[in-house]
Amino acid sequence: MFLDLHREEGQGLAEYALILSIIAILAVTALIFISGNLDKLLSMIGKGL
C-alpha cells in the first residue's frame, strides 16, 4: 500500500505542461514587446521613403 502512494506516472507530463506554459507566456510577452518596436521602425522607414 505504501508503494502506491509514490507513483510518478503523471509527474513527467505535468512538468512538460508547466515548461510549455512558461515558454508560451515568454513568447507572447516577447512578441508584444517586439511588435511595438517593429511598428515604430516601420513607421520611420516609411517616412524616410
PDB file of N, CA and C in Angstrom:
ATOM      1  N   MET A   1       0.828  -1.193   0.000  1.00  0.00           N
ATOM      2  CA  MET A   1       0.000   0.000   0.000  1.00  0.00           C
ATOM      3  C   MET A   1       0.874   1.260   0.000  1.00  0.00           C
ATOM      4  N   PHE A   2       1.976   1.250   0.712  1.00  0.00           N
ATOM      5  CA  PHE A   2       2.855   2.414   0.787  1.00  0.00           C
ATOM      6  C   PHE A   2       3.472   2.726  -0.576  1.00  0.00           C
ATOM      7  N   LEU A   3       3.739   1.703  -1.363  1.00  0.00           N
ATOM      8  CA  LEU A   3       4.336   1.913  -2.679  1.00  0.00           C
ATOM      9  C   LEU A   3       3.373   2.599  -3.636  1.00  0.00           C
ATOM     10  N   ASP A   4       2.073   2.401  -3.456  1.00  0.00           N
ATOM     11  CA  ASP A   4       1.081   3.031  -4.326  1.00  0.00           C
ATOM     12  C   ASP A   4       1.017   4.539  -4.132  1.00  0.00           C
ATOM     13  N   LEU A   5       1.460   5.048  -3.012  1.00  0.00           N
ATOM     14  CA  LEU A   5       1.399   6.484  -2.745  1.00  0.00           C
ATOM     15  C   LEU A   5       2.495   7.251  -3.483  1.00  0.00           C
ATOM     16  N   HIS A   6       3.523   6.571  -3.947  1.00  0.00           N
ATOM     17  CA  HIS A   6       4.653   7.244  -4.579  1.00  0.00           C
ATOM     18  C   HIS A   6       4.717   7.004  -6.079  1.00  0.00           C
ATOM     19  N   ARG A   7       3.580   6.906  -6.715  1.00  0.00           N
ATOM     20  CA  ARG A   7       3.561   6.737  -8.168  1.00  0.00           C
ATOM     21  C   ARG A   7       3.882   8.064  -8.830  1.00  0.00           C
ATOM     22  N   GLU A   8       4.717   8.031  -9.855  1.00  0.00           N
ATOM     23  CA  GLU A   8       5.153   9.257 -10.523  1.00  0.00           C
ATOM     24  C   GLU A   8       4.820   9.226 -12.011  1.00  0.00           C
ATOM     25  N   GLU A   9       3.757   8.550 -12.367  1.00  0.00           N
ATOM     26  CA  GLU A   9       3.419   8.426 -13.779  1.00  0.00           C
ATOM     27  C   GLU A   9       3.029   9.762 -14.403  1.00  0.00           C
ATOM     28  N   GLY A  10       2.216  10.541 -13.729  1.00  0.00           N
ATOM     29  CA  GLY A  10       1.741  11.805 -14.274  1.00  0.00           C
ATOM     30  C   GLY A  10       2.657  12.979 -14.003  1.00  0.00           C
ATOM     31  N   GLN A  11       3.689  12.757 -13.228  1.00  0.00           N
ATOM     32  CA  GLN A  11       4.568  13.863 -12.854  1.00  0.00           C
ATOM     33  C   GLN A  11       5.325  14.400 -14.061  1.00  0.00           C
ATOM     34  N   GLY A  12       5.820  13.542 -14.909  1.00  0.00           N
ATOM     35  CA  GLY A  12       6.561  13.994 -16.090  1.00  0.00           C
ATOM     36  C   GLY A  12       5.695  14.815 -17.011  1.00  0.00           C
ATOM     37  N   LEU A  13       4.461  14.399 -17.224  1.00  0.00           N
ATOM     38  CA  LEU A  13       3.540  15.130 -18.085  1.00  0.00           C
ATOM     39  C   LEU A  13       3.223  16.498 -17.498  1.00  0.00           C
ATOM     40  N   ALA A  14       3.053  16.570 -16.198  1.00  0.00           N
ATOM     41  CA  ALA A  14       2.778  17.850 -15.551  1.00  0.00           C
ATOM     42  C   ALA A  14       3.968  18.795 -15.673  1.00  0.00           C
ATOM     43  N   GLU A  15       5.174  18.259 -15.573  1.00  0.00           N
ATOM     44  CA  GLU A  15       6.360  19.104 -15.704  1.00  0.00           C
ATOM     45  C   GLU A  15       6.492  19.638 -17.125  1.00  0.00           C
ATOM     46  N   TYR A  16       6.224  18.787 -18.118  1.00  0.00           N
ATOM     47  CA  TYR A  16       6.268  19.260 -19.509  1.00  0.00           C
ATOM     48  C   TYR A  16       5.211  20.331 -19.761  1.00  0.00           C
ATOM     49  N   ALA A  17       4.034  20.158 -19.208  1.00  0.00           N
ATOM     50  CA  ALA A  17       2.976  21.148 -19.385  1.00  0.00           C
ATOM     51  C   ALA A  17       3.372  22.476 -18.742  1.00  0.00           C
ATOM     52  N   LEU A  18       4.004  22.416 -17.588  1.00  0.00           N
ATOM     53  CA  LEU A  18       4.447  23.634 -16.905  1.00  0.00           C
ATOM     54  C   LEU A  18       5.524  24.351 -17.711  1.00  0.00           C
ATOM     55  N   ILE A  19       6.476  23.599 -18.234  1.00  0.00           N
ATOM     56  CA  ILE A  19       7.540  24.196 -19.044  1.00  0.00           C
ATOM     57  C   ILE A  19       6.964  24.814 -20.310  1.00  0.00           C
ATOM     58  N   LEU A  20       6.052  24.109 -20.975  1.00  0.00           N
ATOM     59  CA  LEU A  20       5.451  24.644 -22.198  1.00  0.00           C
ATOM     60  C   LEU A  20       4.642  25.898 -21.928  1.00  0.00           C
ATOM     61  N   SER A  21       3.950  25.948 -20.796  1.00  0.00           N
ATOM     62  CA  SER A  21       3.168  27.144 -20.480  1.00  0.00           C
ATOM     63  C   SER A  21       4.083  28.339 -20.196  1.00  0.00           C
ATOM     64  N   ILE A  22       5.198  28.100 -19.533  1.00  0.00           N
ATOM     65  CA  ILE A  22       6.145  29.194 -19.276  1.00  0.00           C
ATOM     66  C   ILE A  22       6.743  29.695 -20.586  1.00  0.00           C
ATOM     67  N   ILE A  23       7.097  28.782 -21.477  1.00  0.00           N
ATOM     68  CA  ILE A  23       7.642  29.178 -22.778  1.00  0.00           C
ATOM     69  C   ILE A  23       6.611  29.969 -23.573  1.00  0.00           C
ATOM     70  N   ALA A  24       5.343  29.548 -23.524  1.00  0.00           N
ATOM     71  CA  ALA A  24       4.288  30.261 -24.250  1.00  0.00           C
ATOM     72  C   ALA A  24       4.104  31.674 -23.704  1.00  0.00           C
ATOM     73  N   ILE A  25       4.141  31.827 -22.397  1.00  0.00           N
ATOM     74  CA  ILE A  25       3.991  33.152 -21.793  1.00  0.00           C
ATOM     75  C   ILE A  25       5.162  34.051 -22.187  1.00  0.00           C
ATOM     76  N   LEU A  26       6.374  33.505 -22.161  1.00  0.00           N
ATOM     77  CA  LEU A  26       7.540  34.293 -22.555  1.00  0.00           C
ATOM     78  C   LEU A  26       7.484  34.668 -24.034  1.00  0.00           C
ATOM     79  N   ALA A  27       7.016  33.762 -24.880  1.00  0.00           N
ATOM     80  CA  ALA A  27       6.928  34.044 -26.313  1.00  0.00           C
ATOM     81  C   ALA A  27       5.913  35.155 -26.588  1.00  0.00           C
ATOM     82  N   VAL A  28       4.773  35.104 -25.931  1.00  0.00           N
ATOM     83  CA  VAL A  28       3.753  36.137 -26.126  1.00  0.00           C
ATOM     84  C   VAL A  28       4.263  37.478 -25.630  1.00  0.00           C
ATOM     85  N   THR A  29       4.931  37.481 -24.493  1.00  0.00           N
ATOM     86  CA  THR A  29       5.493  38.727 -23.958  1.00  0.00           C
ATOM     87  C   THR A  29       6.535  39.306 -24.912  1.00  0.00           C
ATOM     88  N   ALA A  30       7.394  38.456 -25.450  1.00  0.00           N
ATOM     89  CA  ALA A  30       8.409  38.922 -26.389  1.00  0.00           C
ATOM     90  C   ALA A  30       7.767  39.474 -27.655  1.00  0.00           C
ATOM     91  N   LEU A  31       6.742  38.817 -28.154  1.00  0.00           N
ATOM     92  CA  LEU A  31       6.072  39.298 -29.363  1.00  0.00           C
ATOM     93  C   LEU A  31       5.393  40.641 -29.129  1.00  0.00           C
ATOM     94  N   ILE A  32       4.815  40.826 -27.972  1.00  0.00           N
ATOM     95  CA  ILE A  32       4.181  42.109 -27.653  1.00  0.00           C
ATOM     96  C   ILE A  32       5.238  43.208 -27.605  1.00  0.00           C
ATOM     97  N   PHE A  33       6.371  42.922 -26.988  1.00  0.00           N
ATOM     98  CA  PHE A  33       7.443  43.914 -26.893  1.00  0.00           C
ATOM     99  C   PHE A  33       8.013  44.233 -28.270  1.00  0.00           C
ATOM    100  N   ILE A  34       8.269  43.204 -29.050  1.00  0.00           N
ATOM    101  CA  ILE A  34       8.873  43.397 -30.375  1.00  0.00           C
ATOM    102  C   ILE A  34       7.897  44.096 -31.319  1.00  0.00           C
ATOM    103  N   SER A  35       6.617  43.805 -31.212  1.00  0.00           N
ATOM    104  CA  SER A  35       5.656  44.403 -32.139  1.00  0.00           C
ATOM    105  C   SER A  35       5.591  45.917 -31.966  1.00  0.00           C
ATOM    106  N   GLY A  36       5.717  46.412 -30.766  1.00  0.00           N
ATOM    107  CA  GLY A  36       5.721  47.853 -30.541  1.00  0.00           C
ATOM    108  C   GLY A  36       6.935  48.510 -31.169  1.00  0.00           C
ATOM    109  N   ASN A  37       8.087  47.917 -30.993  1.00  0.00           N
ATOM    110  CA  ASN A  37       9.312  48.461 -31.590  1.00  0.00           C
ATOM    111  C   ASN A  37       9.305  48.298 -33.101  1.00  0.00           C
ATOM    112  N   LEU A  38       8.763  47.212 -33.594  1.00  0.00           N
ATOM    113  CA  LEU A  38       8.709  46.978 -35.029  1.00  0.00           C
ATOM    114  C   LEU A  38       7.796  47.990 -35.705  1.00  0.00           C
ATOM    115  N   ASP A  39       6.701  48.338 -35.058  1.00  0.00           N
ATOM    116  CA  ASP A  39       5.789  49.336 -35.602  1.00  0.00           C
ATOM    117  C   ASP A  39       6.491  50.685 -35.748  1.00  0.00           C
ATOM    118  N   LYS A  40       7.252  51.074 -34.740  1.00  0.00           N
ATOM    119  CA  LYS A  40       7.997  52.333 -34.797  1.00  0.00           C
ATOM    120  C   LYS A  40       9.051  52.289 -35.898  1.00  0.00           C
ATOM    121  N   LEU A  41       9.741  51.175 -36.010  1.00  0.00           N
ATOM    122  CA  LEU A  41      10.782  51.042 -37.026  1.00  0.00           C
ATOM    123  C   LEU A  41      10.197  51.128 -38.435  1.00  0.00           C
ATOM    124  N   LEU A  42       9.087  50.452 -38.667  1.00  0.00           N
ATOM    125  CA  LEU A  42       8.461  50.503 -39.983  1.00  0.00           C
ATOM    126  C   LEU A  42       7.924  51.892 -40.295  1.00  0.00           C
ATOM    127  N   SER A  43       7.445  52.593 -39.288  1.00  0.00           N
ATOM    128  CA  SER A  43       6.967  53.966 -39.496  1.00  0.00           C
ATOM    129  C   SER A  43       8.120  54.881 -39.898  1.00  0.00           C
ATOM    130  N   MET A  44       9.269  54.704 -39.231  1.00  0.00           N
ATOM    131  CA  MET A  44      10.431  55.517 -39.576  1.00  0.00           C
ATOM    132  C   MET A  44      10.914  55.225 -40.991  1.00  0.00           C
ATOM    133  N   ILE A  45      10.901  53.975 -41.385  1.00  0.00           N
ATOM    134  CA  ILE A  45      11.311  53.607 -42.740  1.00  0.00           C
ATOM    135  C   ILE A  45      10.338  54.179 -43.752  1.00  0.00           C
ATOM    136  N   GLY A  46       9.058  54.105 -43.460  1.00  0.00           N
ATOM    137  CA  GLY A  46       8.035  54.649 -44.359  1.00  0.00           C
ATOM    138  C   GLY A  46       8.166  56.155 -44.522  1.00  0.00           C
ATOM    139  N   LYS A  47       8.445  56.864 -43.460  1.00  0.00           N
ATOM    140  CA  LYS A  47       8.619  58.307 -43.540  1.00  0.00           C
ATOM    141  C   LYS A  47       9.885  58.667 -44.311  1.00  0.00           C
ATOM    142  N   GLY A  48      10.900  57.820 -44.211  1.00  0.00           N
ATOM    143  CA  GLY A  48      12.149  58.079 -44.916  1.00  0.00           C
ATOM    144  C   GLY A  48      12.021  57.879 -46.406  1.00  0.00           C
ATOM    145  N   LEU A  49      11.087  57.042 -46.831  1.00  0.00           N
ATOM    146  CA  LEU A  49      10.905  56.820 -48.259  1.00  0.00           C
ATOM    147  C   LEU A  49      10.123  57.955 -48.853  1.00  0.00           C
TER     148      LEU A  49
END
